[in-house]
C-alpha cells in the first residue's frame, strides 16, 4: 500500500494527486493508494481519499504503508521517517498557489541531500522514484532537535531568506538619523539667520 500525505495546509495540492493518479492509470502503481488529502478536494476512482484522519489511524496507515509520498512539510516528513519507510517528498510551490512561499523546496533538499528521503522535483518522474524505492536504503533518521533547530536557524539566517526589513533596517535607521540631524542643523541655521536679520 502507498500512503500519500498532503498535511493540513489550507491550500490545494492537486498537482501531486494528479501525478499519483497518472501512475496508477499507467500501471506503475498496482497497489492500494490511500490519501490523507487535508483541504485538497480530489475525486478519483483509483485512490481512497480522506480529508483528515485521527492520529491513531494515521499511525496505523504509516505502519502498513510500503511507501509514503508526502508534501514537504517538516512534520509529515519526520512522521514518515519515524516508521523507517521509503519516503518520496514533493514541495508545494507558491507559483501554483499551493503555499505562500517555496520553503518546502529547501526543506526537501536538505533531507534528500542527507540521504533520508527521495526528492520529487519533476512530477513526470514519480514512477521512476516509486521503482527506486524497492532498492532505496534511507539513512536512519535519529531525532536530534538541537541539530535540526540549528539547521532551520541557518536556513532562516541566509541573506536570501531574510526579509527586506531585516536586511536593511540598520541602513534605514542610519539614513533616518542623518536626515534628522540635518533637519535639526538646518533649522538652527535658519533660526540664527532670522535672529541676526532682526
N, C-alpha and C. Protein backbone atom coordinates (compact mmCIF):
# COMPACT_ATOMS: atom_id res chain seq x y z
N UNK A 1 0.84 -1.19 0.00
CA UNK A 1 0.00 0.00 0.00
C UNK A 1 0.88 1.25 0.00
N UNK A 2 0.45 2.25 -0.76
CA UNK A 2 1.15 3.53 -0.80
C UNK A 2 0.27 4.55 -0.08
N UNK A 3 0.88 5.28 0.83
CA UNK A 3 0.18 6.32 1.58
C UNK A 3 0.65 7.68 1.09
N UNK A 4 -0.31 8.54 0.78
CA UNK A 4 0.00 9.90 0.33
C UNK A 4 -0.47 10.88 1.40
N UNK A 5 0.44 11.73 1.85
CA UNK A 5 0.14 12.71 2.91
C UNK A 5 0.23 14.13 2.35
N UNK A 6 -0.88 14.85 2.41
CA UNK A 6 -0.87 16.25 1.95
C UNK A 6 -0.90 17.23 3.12
N UNK A 7 -0.90 16.71 4.34
CA UNK A 7 -0.86 17.58 5.51
C UNK A 7 -2.15 18.33 5.74
N UNK A 8 -2.05 19.39 6.52
CA UNK A 8 -3.23 20.18 6.88
C UNK A 8 -3.17 21.60 6.32
N UNK A 9 -2.26 21.85 5.40
CA UNK A 9 -2.15 23.15 4.75
C UNK A 9 -3.49 23.50 4.10
N UNK A 10 -3.94 24.74 4.25
CA UNK A 10 -5.26 25.13 3.76
C UNK A 10 -5.30 25.45 2.26
N UNK A 11 -4.28 25.01 1.53
CA UNK A 11 -4.25 25.21 0.08
C UNK A 11 -4.19 23.85 -0.60
N UNK A 12 -4.72 23.79 -1.81
CA UNK A 12 -4.79 22.53 -2.55
C UNK A 12 -3.42 22.09 -3.05
N UNK A 13 -3.23 20.77 -3.09
CA UNK A 13 -2.02 20.19 -3.70
C UNK A 13 -2.47 19.13 -4.71
N UNK A 14 -3.42 19.54 -5.55
CA UNK A 14 -3.99 18.65 -6.57
C UNK A 14 -2.92 18.14 -7.53
N UNK A 15 -1.90 18.93 -7.77
CA UNK A 15 -0.83 18.57 -8.71
C UNK A 15 -0.19 17.23 -8.34
N UNK A 16 0.03 17.00 -7.04
CA UNK A 16 0.64 15.73 -6.61
C UNK A 16 -0.34 14.57 -6.82
N UNK A 17 -1.60 14.78 -6.52
CA UNK A 17 -2.58 13.70 -6.71
C UNK A 17 -2.78 13.38 -8.19
N UNK A 18 -2.70 14.39 -9.05
CA UNK A 18 -2.76 14.14 -10.49
C UNK A 18 -1.61 13.22 -10.92
N UNK A 19 -0.42 13.47 -10.37
CA UNK A 19 0.75 12.65 -10.71
C UNK A 19 0.59 11.22 -10.22
N UNK A 20 0.06 11.04 -9.01
CA UNK A 20 -0.16 9.70 -8.47
C UNK A 20 -1.22 8.97 -9.30
N UNK A 21 -2.31 9.65 -9.61
CA UNK A 21 -3.38 9.07 -10.43
C UNK A 21 -2.84 8.62 -11.79
N UNK A 22 -1.99 9.43 -12.37
CA UNK A 22 -1.39 9.12 -13.68
C UNK A 22 -0.57 7.83 -13.60
N UNK A 23 0.16 7.66 -12.50
CA UNK A 23 0.98 6.45 -12.34
C UNK A 23 0.11 5.20 -12.12
N UNK A 24 -1.04 5.36 -11.49
CA UNK A 24 -1.96 4.24 -11.31
C UNK A 24 -2.52 3.83 -12.67
N UNK A 25 -2.97 4.81 -13.44
CA UNK A 25 -3.55 4.55 -14.76
C UNK A 25 -2.53 3.90 -15.69
N UNK A 26 -1.26 4.35 -15.61
CA UNK A 26 -0.23 3.79 -16.50
C UNK A 26 0.26 2.41 -16.04
N UNK A 27 -0.15 1.99 -14.85
CA UNK A 27 0.25 0.67 -14.36
C UNK A 27 1.52 0.66 -13.52
N UNK A 28 2.13 1.81 -13.33
CA UNK A 28 3.34 1.87 -12.49
C UNK A 28 3.02 1.66 -11.01
N UNK A 29 1.81 1.96 -10.62
CA UNK A 29 1.34 1.68 -9.26
C UNK A 29 0.23 0.65 -9.39
N UNK A 30 0.44 -0.51 -8.77
CA UNK A 30 -0.55 -1.58 -8.87
C UNK A 30 -1.04 -2.03 -7.49
N UNK A 31 -0.88 -1.18 -6.52
CA UNK A 31 -1.31 -1.49 -5.16
C UNK A 31 -2.27 -0.42 -4.68
N UNK A 32 -2.89 -0.66 -3.55
CA UNK A 32 -3.82 0.33 -3.00
C UNK A 32 -3.10 1.63 -2.69
N UNK A 33 -3.79 2.72 -2.94
CA UNK A 33 -3.26 4.05 -2.61
C UNK A 33 -4.29 4.71 -1.70
N UNK A 34 -3.81 5.13 -0.53
CA UNK A 34 -4.66 5.84 0.43
C UNK A 34 -4.11 7.25 0.59
N UNK A 35 -5.01 8.22 0.55
CA UNK A 35 -4.61 9.63 0.58
C UNK A 35 -5.23 10.34 1.77
N UNK A 36 -4.38 11.01 2.55
CA UNK A 36 -4.85 11.96 3.56
C UNK A 36 -4.73 13.31 2.87
N UNK A 37 -5.86 13.83 2.36
CA UNK A 37 -5.84 14.96 1.44
C UNK A 37 -5.93 16.33 2.11
N UNK A 38 -6.29 16.38 3.38
CA UNK A 38 -6.43 17.68 4.03
C UNK A 38 -7.48 18.51 3.33
N UNK A 39 -7.10 19.70 2.87
CA UNK A 39 -8.03 20.61 2.22
C UNK A 39 -8.06 20.46 0.70
N UNK A 40 -7.30 19.50 0.17
CA UNK A 40 -7.31 19.28 -1.27
C UNK A 40 -8.54 18.47 -1.66
N UNK A 41 -9.37 19.04 -2.50
CA UNK A 41 -10.57 18.35 -2.98
C UNK A 41 -10.21 17.62 -4.26
N UNK A 42 -10.38 16.31 -4.25
CA UNK A 42 -9.97 15.50 -5.39
C UNK A 42 -10.86 14.27 -5.47
N UNK A 43 -11.33 13.96 -6.66
CA UNK A 43 -12.16 12.79 -6.86
C UNK A 43 -11.42 11.82 -7.76
N UNK A 44 -11.29 10.58 -7.31
CA UNK A 44 -10.60 9.56 -8.09
C UNK A 44 -11.18 8.19 -7.76
N UNK A 45 -11.37 7.39 -8.78
CA UNK A 45 -11.81 6.00 -8.58
C UNK A 45 -10.62 5.11 -8.25
N UNK A 46 -9.42 5.65 -8.37
CA UNK A 46 -8.20 4.86 -8.21
C UNK A 46 -7.60 4.92 -6.80
N UNK A 47 -8.07 5.85 -5.98
CA UNK A 47 -7.48 6.04 -4.66
C UNK A 47 -8.57 6.16 -3.61
N UNK A 48 -8.24 5.76 -2.38
CA UNK A 48 -9.14 6.00 -1.24
C UNK A 48 -8.68 7.31 -0.62
N UNK A 49 -9.57 8.29 -0.61
CA UNK A 49 -9.19 9.64 -0.18
C UNK A 49 -9.98 10.04 1.06
N UNK A 50 -9.23 10.50 2.08
CA UNK A 50 -9.82 11.01 3.31
C UNK A 50 -9.35 12.45 3.48
N UNK A 51 -10.23 13.31 3.97
CA UNK A 51 -9.81 14.68 4.25
C UNK A 51 -8.75 14.65 5.36
N UNK A 52 -9.17 14.28 6.53
CA UNK A 52 -8.28 14.18 7.68
C UNK A 52 -8.61 12.89 8.43
N UNK A 53 -7.61 12.29 9.01
CA UNK A 53 -7.83 11.09 9.82
C UNK A 53 -7.24 11.34 11.20
N UNK A 54 -7.68 10.56 12.17
CA UNK A 54 -7.15 10.72 13.53
C UNK A 54 -5.67 10.33 13.55
N UNK A 55 -4.97 10.78 14.56
CA UNK A 55 -3.55 10.45 14.67
C UNK A 55 -3.35 8.94 14.79
N UNK A 56 -4.22 8.26 15.52
CA UNK A 56 -4.12 6.80 15.65
C UNK A 56 -4.28 6.11 14.30
N UNK A 57 -5.28 6.55 13.51
CA UNK A 57 -5.49 5.97 12.19
C UNK A 57 -4.32 6.27 11.26
N UNK A 58 -3.80 7.49 11.37
CA UNK A 58 -2.65 7.86 10.54
C UNK A 58 -1.43 7.01 10.89
N UNK A 59 -1.20 6.80 12.19
CA UNK A 59 -0.09 5.94 12.62
C UNK A 59 -0.25 4.53 12.07
N UNK A 60 -1.46 4.02 12.13
CA UNK A 60 -1.75 2.67 11.63
C UNK A 60 -1.48 2.58 10.13
N UNK A 61 -1.90 3.61 9.38
CA UNK A 61 -1.67 3.63 7.94
C UNK A 61 -0.18 3.71 7.61
N UNK A 62 0.57 4.50 8.38
CA UNK A 62 2.00 4.62 8.13
C UNK A 62 2.72 3.30 8.41
N UNK A 63 2.28 2.58 9.42
CA UNK A 63 2.87 1.27 9.72
C UNK A 63 2.65 0.29 8.57
N UNK A 64 1.47 0.33 7.96
CA UNK A 64 1.11 -0.61 6.90
C UNK A 64 1.72 -0.24 5.55
N UNK A 65 2.00 1.03 5.35
CA UNK A 65 2.44 1.50 4.03
C UNK A 65 3.79 0.90 3.62
N UNK A 66 3.90 0.63 2.33
CA UNK A 66 5.20 0.22 1.78
C UNK A 66 6.03 1.45 1.43
N UNK A 67 5.33 2.47 0.91
CA UNK A 67 5.96 3.75 0.53
C UNK A 67 5.07 4.86 1.04
N UNK A 68 5.70 5.96 1.48
CA UNK A 68 4.96 7.15 1.87
C UNK A 68 5.36 8.28 0.94
N UNK A 69 4.37 8.86 0.28
CA UNK A 69 4.58 10.03 -0.57
C UNK A 69 3.99 11.22 0.18
N UNK A 70 4.77 12.25 0.37
CA UNK A 70 4.32 13.36 1.19
C UNK A 70 4.66 14.71 0.59
N UNK A 71 3.92 15.72 1.04
CA UNK A 71 4.30 17.10 0.72
C UNK A 71 5.54 17.43 1.55
N UNK A 72 6.10 18.61 1.37
CA UNK A 72 7.36 18.95 2.02
C UNK A 72 7.26 19.54 3.40
N UNK A 73 6.17 19.29 4.11
CA UNK A 73 6.05 19.77 5.48
C UNK A 73 6.96 18.99 6.41
N UNK A 74 7.65 19.69 7.28
CA UNK A 74 8.60 19.04 8.19
C UNK A 74 7.91 17.99 9.04
N UNK A 75 6.73 18.30 9.57
CA UNK A 75 6.01 17.35 10.42
C UNK A 75 5.69 16.06 9.69
N UNK A 76 5.21 16.17 8.47
CA UNK A 76 4.87 14.98 7.68
C UNK A 76 6.10 14.16 7.35
N UNK A 77 7.19 14.84 6.98
CA UNK A 77 8.42 14.12 6.65
C UNK A 77 8.96 13.39 7.88
N UNK A 78 9.02 14.09 9.02
CA UNK A 78 9.55 13.46 10.24
C UNK A 78 8.67 12.30 10.69
N UNK A 79 7.35 12.43 10.58
CA UNK A 79 6.45 11.33 10.94
C UNK A 79 6.72 10.13 10.06
N UNK A 80 6.83 10.36 8.76
CA UNK A 80 7.07 9.26 7.82
C UNK A 80 8.42 8.59 8.10
N UNK A 81 9.43 9.38 8.38
CA UNK A 81 10.76 8.81 8.66
C UNK A 81 10.77 7.97 9.93
N UNK A 82 9.93 8.32 10.88
CA UNK A 82 9.91 7.58 12.15
C UNK A 82 9.46 6.13 11.94
N UNK A 83 8.80 5.85 10.81
CA UNK A 83 8.36 4.48 10.52
C UNK A 83 9.35 3.74 9.62
N UNK A 84 10.45 4.39 9.30
CA UNK A 84 11.53 3.78 8.52
C UNK A 84 11.02 3.18 7.21
N UNK A 85 10.20 3.94 6.52
CA UNK A 85 9.68 3.55 5.21
C UNK A 85 10.34 4.43 4.16
N UNK A 86 10.41 3.96 2.90
CA UNK A 86 10.88 4.87 1.85
C UNK A 86 9.93 6.06 1.74
N UNK A 87 10.50 7.24 1.71
CA UNK A 87 9.70 8.47 1.67
C UNK A 87 10.06 9.23 0.40
N UNK A 88 9.01 9.58 -0.35
CA UNK A 88 9.14 10.46 -1.52
C UNK A 88 8.46 11.77 -1.13
N UNK A 89 9.18 12.88 -1.26
CA UNK A 89 8.61 14.18 -0.87
C UNK A 89 8.57 15.13 -2.05
N UNK A 90 7.46 15.86 -2.15
CA UNK A 90 7.27 16.85 -3.21
C UNK A 90 6.90 18.18 -2.58
N UNK A 91 7.51 19.23 -3.07
CA UNK A 91 7.29 20.57 -2.50
C UNK A 91 6.04 21.23 -3.06
N UNK A 92 5.29 21.83 -2.15
CA UNK A 92 4.21 22.74 -2.56
C UNK A 92 4.89 24.02 -3.05
N UNK A 93 4.43 24.55 -4.17
CA UNK A 93 5.08 25.74 -4.74
C UNK A 93 4.11 26.92 -4.78
N UNK A 94 4.65 28.09 -4.52
CA UNK A 94 3.81 29.30 -4.48
C UNK A 94 3.27 29.65 -5.86
N UNK A 95 4.00 29.36 -6.92
CA UNK A 95 3.52 29.73 -8.26
C UNK A 95 2.26 28.97 -8.66
N UNK A 96 2.01 27.83 -8.01
CA UNK A 96 0.77 27.09 -8.25
C UNK A 96 -0.26 27.35 -7.15
N UNK A 97 0.02 28.33 -6.30
CA UNK A 97 -0.84 28.71 -5.17
C UNK A 97 -1.03 27.55 -4.19
N UNK A 98 0.01 26.71 -4.07
CA UNK A 98 -0.03 25.58 -3.15
C UNK A 98 0.50 25.95 -1.77
N UNK A 99 1.20 27.08 -1.72
CA UNK A 99 1.73 27.59 -0.46
C UNK A 99 2.01 29.07 -0.64
N UNK A 100 2.32 29.76 0.45
CA UNK A 100 2.59 31.20 0.37
C UNK A 100 4.02 31.48 -0.10
N UNK A 101 4.91 30.50 0.03
CA UNK A 101 6.29 30.65 -0.44
C UNK A 101 6.83 29.26 -0.80
N UNK A 102 8.11 29.20 -1.14
CA UNK A 102 8.70 27.93 -1.61
C UNK A 102 9.66 27.32 -0.59
N UNK A 103 9.43 27.52 0.70
CA UNK A 103 10.36 26.99 1.70
C UNK A 103 10.43 25.47 1.70
N UNK A 104 9.39 24.79 1.21
CA UNK A 104 9.42 23.32 1.20
C UNK A 104 10.49 22.78 0.25
N UNK A 105 10.85 23.56 -0.76
CA UNK A 105 11.92 23.14 -1.68
C UNK A 105 13.21 22.95 -0.90
N UNK A 106 13.55 23.92 -0.05
CA UNK A 106 14.78 23.85 0.74
C UNK A 106 14.72 22.74 1.77
N UNK A 107 13.56 22.56 2.40
CA UNK A 107 13.41 21.50 3.41
C UNK A 107 13.65 20.14 2.77
N UNK A 108 13.00 19.90 1.64
CA UNK A 108 13.16 18.61 0.95
C UNK A 108 14.60 18.43 0.49
N UNK A 109 15.21 19.49 -0.01
CA UNK A 109 16.60 19.41 -0.48
C UNK A 109 17.53 18.99 0.67
N UNK A 110 17.33 19.57 1.84
CA UNK A 110 18.17 19.23 3.00
C UNK A 110 18.01 17.75 3.39
N UNK A 111 16.76 17.29 3.49
CA UNK A 111 16.53 15.89 3.86
C UNK A 111 17.06 14.94 2.79
N UNK A 112 16.89 15.31 1.53
CA UNK A 112 17.34 14.47 0.42
C UNK A 112 18.87 14.41 0.36
N UNK A 113 19.51 15.57 0.49
CA UNK A 113 20.98 15.62 0.45
C UNK A 113 21.61 14.80 1.57
N UNK A 114 20.90 14.66 2.67
CA UNK A 114 21.42 13.89 3.80
C UNK A 114 21.06 12.40 3.70
N UNK A 115 20.36 12.03 2.63
CA UNK A 115 20.09 10.63 2.38
C UNK A 115 18.89 10.05 3.10
N UNK A 116 17.99 10.90 3.60
CA UNK A 116 16.83 10.42 4.33
C UNK A 116 15.63 10.11 3.43
N UNK A 117 15.47 10.88 2.36
CA UNK A 117 14.28 10.76 1.52
C UNK A 117 14.66 10.85 0.04
N UNK A 118 13.69 10.56 -0.81
CA UNK A 118 13.82 10.79 -2.25
C UNK A 118 13.04 12.06 -2.57
N UNK A 119 13.63 12.92 -3.37
CA UNK A 119 13.02 14.20 -3.71
C UNK A 119 12.33 14.12 -5.06
N UNK A 120 11.05 14.47 -5.09
CA UNK A 120 10.28 14.50 -6.34
C UNK A 120 10.23 15.95 -6.82
N UNK A 121 11.00 16.24 -7.85
CA UNK A 121 11.02 17.59 -8.41
C UNK A 121 10.18 17.62 -9.69
N UNK A 122 10.51 16.73 -10.62
CA UNK A 122 9.76 16.59 -11.86
C UNK A 122 8.68 15.53 -11.64
N UNK A 123 7.43 15.94 -11.62
CA UNK A 123 6.34 15.02 -11.29
C UNK A 123 6.18 13.90 -12.31
N UNK A 124 6.73 14.08 -13.52
CA UNK A 124 6.70 13.01 -14.51
C UNK A 124 7.63 11.86 -14.15
N UNK A 125 8.50 12.07 -13.15
CA UNK A 125 9.45 11.03 -12.74
C UNK A 125 8.98 10.27 -11.49
N UNK A 126 7.72 10.45 -11.10
CA UNK A 126 7.21 9.77 -9.93
C UNK A 126 7.32 8.25 -10.07
N UNK A 127 6.98 7.72 -11.25
CA UNK A 127 7.08 6.27 -11.49
C UNK A 127 8.48 5.74 -11.26
N UNK A 128 9.48 6.50 -11.72
CA UNK A 128 10.89 6.09 -11.53
C UNK A 128 11.26 6.06 -10.05
N UNK A 129 10.80 7.06 -9.30
CA UNK A 129 11.10 7.10 -7.87
C UNK A 129 10.41 5.97 -7.12
N UNK A 130 9.19 5.62 -7.54
CA UNK A 130 8.48 4.51 -6.90
C UNK A 130 9.26 3.21 -7.12
N UNK A 131 9.78 3.02 -8.34
CA UNK A 131 10.60 1.83 -8.62
C UNK A 131 11.89 1.87 -7.79
N UNK A 132 12.46 3.05 -7.66
CA UNK A 132 13.70 3.20 -6.90
C UNK A 132 13.51 2.85 -5.43
N UNK A 133 12.29 3.01 -4.91
CA UNK A 133 12.00 2.70 -3.51
C UNK A 133 12.30 1.24 -3.17
N UNK A 134 12.25 0.36 -4.16
CA UNK A 134 12.50 -1.06 -3.92
C UNK A 134 13.94 -1.31 -3.46
N UNK A 135 14.85 -0.43 -3.89
CA UNK A 135 16.26 -0.62 -3.52
C UNK A 135 16.81 0.52 -2.67
N UNK A 136 16.02 1.57 -2.48
CA UNK A 136 16.49 2.73 -1.72
C UNK A 136 16.65 2.40 -0.24
N UNK A 137 17.84 2.60 0.26
CA UNK A 137 18.11 2.39 1.68
C UNK A 137 18.33 3.77 2.31
N UNK A 138 17.29 4.26 2.92
CA UNK A 138 17.37 5.58 3.54
C UNK A 138 18.30 5.54 4.75
N UNK A 139 19.01 6.62 4.92
CA UNK A 139 19.82 6.78 6.13
C UNK A 139 18.84 6.87 7.30
N UNK A 140 19.14 6.16 8.37
CA UNK A 140 18.24 6.16 9.52
C UNK A 140 18.24 7.54 10.17
N UNK A 141 17.05 8.07 10.32
CA UNK A 141 16.91 9.40 10.92
C UNK A 141 16.82 9.25 12.43
N UNK A 142 17.73 9.91 13.11
CA UNK A 142 17.69 9.95 14.57
C UNK A 142 17.31 11.36 14.97
N UNK A 143 16.26 11.46 15.76
CA UNK A 143 15.80 12.78 16.17
C UNK A 143 16.88 13.49 16.96
N UNK A 144 17.20 14.67 16.52
CA UNK A 144 18.19 15.49 17.20
C UNK A 144 17.68 16.93 17.10
N UNK A 145 16.82 17.27 18.03
CA UNK A 145 16.17 18.58 17.96
C UNK A 145 17.14 19.74 17.88
N UNK A 146 18.23 19.64 18.64
CA UNK A 146 19.18 20.75 18.65
C UNK A 146 19.82 20.93 17.28
N UNK A 147 20.19 19.82 16.65
CA UNK A 147 20.79 19.88 15.33
C UNK A 147 19.79 20.40 14.30
N UNK A 148 18.55 19.93 14.43
CA UNK A 148 17.51 20.34 13.49
C UNK A 148 17.21 21.83 13.63
N UNK A 149 17.11 22.31 14.86
CA UNK A 149 16.87 23.74 15.10
C UNK A 149 18.01 24.57 14.51
N UNK A 150 19.24 24.08 14.66
CA UNK A 150 20.40 24.79 14.11
C UNK A 150 20.31 24.84 12.58
N UNK A 151 19.89 23.72 11.97
CA UNK A 151 19.76 23.66 10.52
C UNK A 151 18.70 24.67 10.04
N UNK A 152 17.55 24.71 10.71
CA UNK A 152 16.48 25.63 10.33
C UNK A 152 16.92 27.08 10.57
N UNK A 153 17.59 27.33 11.70
CA UNK A 153 18.07 28.67 12.02
C UNK A 153 19.06 29.14 10.96
N UNK A 154 19.95 28.24 10.54
CA UNK A 154 20.91 28.56 9.50
C UNK A 154 20.20 28.93 8.20
N UNK A 155 19.17 28.17 7.88
CA UNK A 155 18.39 28.45 6.67
C UNK A 155 17.74 29.83 6.75
N UNK A 156 17.16 30.14 7.89
CA UNK A 156 16.47 31.42 8.07
C UNK A 156 17.45 32.58 8.00
N UNK A 157 18.66 32.39 8.51
CA UNK A 157 19.63 33.46 8.56
C UNK A 157 20.27 33.77 7.21
N UNK A 158 20.14 32.85 6.23
CA UNK A 158 20.72 33.12 4.92
C UNK A 158 20.13 34.40 4.36
N UNK A 159 20.96 35.21 3.75
CA UNK A 159 20.52 36.51 3.26
C UNK A 159 19.32 36.42 2.33
N UNK A 160 19.27 35.38 1.50
CA UNK A 160 18.18 35.27 0.54
C UNK A 160 16.84 34.98 1.21
N UNK A 161 16.86 34.60 2.48
CA UNK A 161 15.61 34.27 3.16
C UNK A 161 15.23 35.28 4.23
N UNK A 162 16.03 36.32 4.39
CA UNK A 162 15.73 37.33 5.39
C UNK A 162 14.91 38.43 4.73
N UNK A 163 13.90 38.90 5.39
CA UNK A 163 13.03 39.92 4.81
C UNK A 163 13.83 41.18 4.52
N UNK A 164 13.30 42.00 3.60
CA UNK A 164 14.00 43.24 3.25
C UNK A 164 14.16 44.13 4.47
N UNK A 165 13.19 44.13 5.39
CA UNK A 165 13.29 44.97 6.57
C UNK A 165 14.48 44.56 7.43
N UNK A 166 14.63 43.25 7.68
CA UNK A 166 15.75 42.79 8.49
C UNK A 166 17.08 43.04 7.80
N UNK A 167 17.09 42.98 6.47
CA UNK A 167 18.33 43.20 5.73
C UNK A 167 18.77 44.66 5.78
N UNK A 168 17.82 45.57 5.76
CA UNK A 168 18.16 46.98 5.59
C UNK A 168 17.77 47.88 6.76
N UNK A 169 17.29 47.32 7.87
CA UNK A 169 16.79 48.17 8.94
C UNK A 169 17.89 49.06 9.54
N UNK A 170 19.13 48.57 9.63
CA UNK A 170 20.21 49.39 10.19
C UNK A 170 20.58 50.52 9.24
N UNK A 171 20.59 50.23 7.96
CA UNK A 171 20.89 51.27 6.97
C UNK A 171 19.78 52.33 7.00
N UNK A 172 18.54 51.88 7.02
CA UNK A 172 17.41 52.81 7.07
C UNK A 172 17.44 53.66 8.34
N UNK A 173 17.81 53.04 9.46
CA UNK A 173 17.91 53.78 10.71
C UNK A 173 18.99 54.86 10.61
N UNK A 174 20.14 54.51 10.03
CA UNK A 174 21.24 55.48 9.88
C UNK A 174 20.84 56.62 8.96
N UNK A 175 20.16 56.30 7.85
CA UNK A 175 19.70 57.35 6.93
C UNK A 175 18.72 58.27 7.64
N UNK A 176 17.79 57.70 8.38
CA UNK A 176 16.82 58.48 9.14
C UNK A 176 17.53 59.39 10.14
N UNK A 177 18.51 58.84 10.84
CA UNK A 177 19.26 59.61 11.84
C UNK A 177 20.00 60.78 11.18
N UNK A 178 20.64 60.53 10.04
CA UNK A 178 21.36 61.59 9.33
C UNK A 178 20.38 62.67 8.87
N UNK A 179 19.24 62.25 8.32
CA UNK A 179 18.24 63.24 7.89
C UNK A 179 17.73 64.06 9.07
N UNK A 180 17.51 63.42 10.20
CA UNK A 180 17.05 64.12 11.39
C UNK A 180 18.09 65.13 11.86
N UNK A 181 19.35 64.71 11.87
CA UNK A 181 20.43 65.63 12.28
C UNK A 181 20.55 66.81 11.31
N UNK A 182 20.43 66.53 10.00
CA UNK A 182 20.48 67.61 9.02
C UNK A 182 19.31 68.58 9.21
N UNK A 183 18.15 68.03 9.47
CA UNK A 183 16.97 68.86 9.69
C UNK A 183 17.18 69.76 10.91
N UNK A 184 17.66 69.18 11.99
CA UNK A 184 17.92 69.96 13.21
C UNK A 184 18.98 71.02 12.94
N UNK A 185 20.08 70.64 12.24
CA UNK A 185 21.17 71.57 11.95
C UNK A 185 20.67 72.74 11.10
N UNK A 186 19.92 72.43 10.02
CA UNK A 186 19.42 73.49 9.15
C UNK A 186 18.37 74.34 9.85
N UNK A 187 17.58 73.75 10.71
CA UNK A 187 16.57 74.52 11.44
C UNK A 187 17.27 75.53 12.36
N UNK A 188 18.34 75.09 13.01
CA UNK A 188 19.10 76.00 13.88
C UNK A 188 19.72 77.11 13.04
N UNK A 189 20.30 76.76 11.86
CA UNK A 189 20.89 77.77 10.98
C UNK A 189 19.85 78.79 10.51
N UNK A 190 18.68 78.31 10.16
CA UNK A 190 17.61 79.20 9.69
C UNK A 190 17.16 80.13 10.83
N UNK A 191 17.02 79.56 12.04
CA UNK A 191 16.63 80.38 13.18
C UNK A 191 17.69 81.45 13.48
N UNK A 192 18.97 81.04 13.40
CA UNK A 192 20.05 82.01 13.63
C UNK A 192 20.05 83.10 12.56
N UNK A 193 19.80 82.72 11.34
CA UNK A 193 19.75 83.70 10.24
C UNK A 193 18.65 84.73 10.49
N UNK A 194 17.44 84.26 10.84
CA UNK A 194 16.34 85.18 11.09
C UNK A 194 16.60 86.04 12.34
N UNK A 195 17.28 85.47 13.31
CA UNK A 195 17.60 86.20 14.52
C UNK A 195 18.57 87.34 14.21
N UNK A 196 19.57 87.07 13.35
CA UNK A 196 20.57 88.07 13.00
C UNK A 196 19.98 89.15 12.09
N UNK A 197 19.02 88.78 11.27
CA UNK A 197 18.39 89.73 10.36
C UNK A 197 17.59 90.75 11.15
N UNK A 198 16.98 90.34 12.24
CA UNK A 198 16.17 91.26 13.05
C UNK A 198 17.11 92.08 13.83
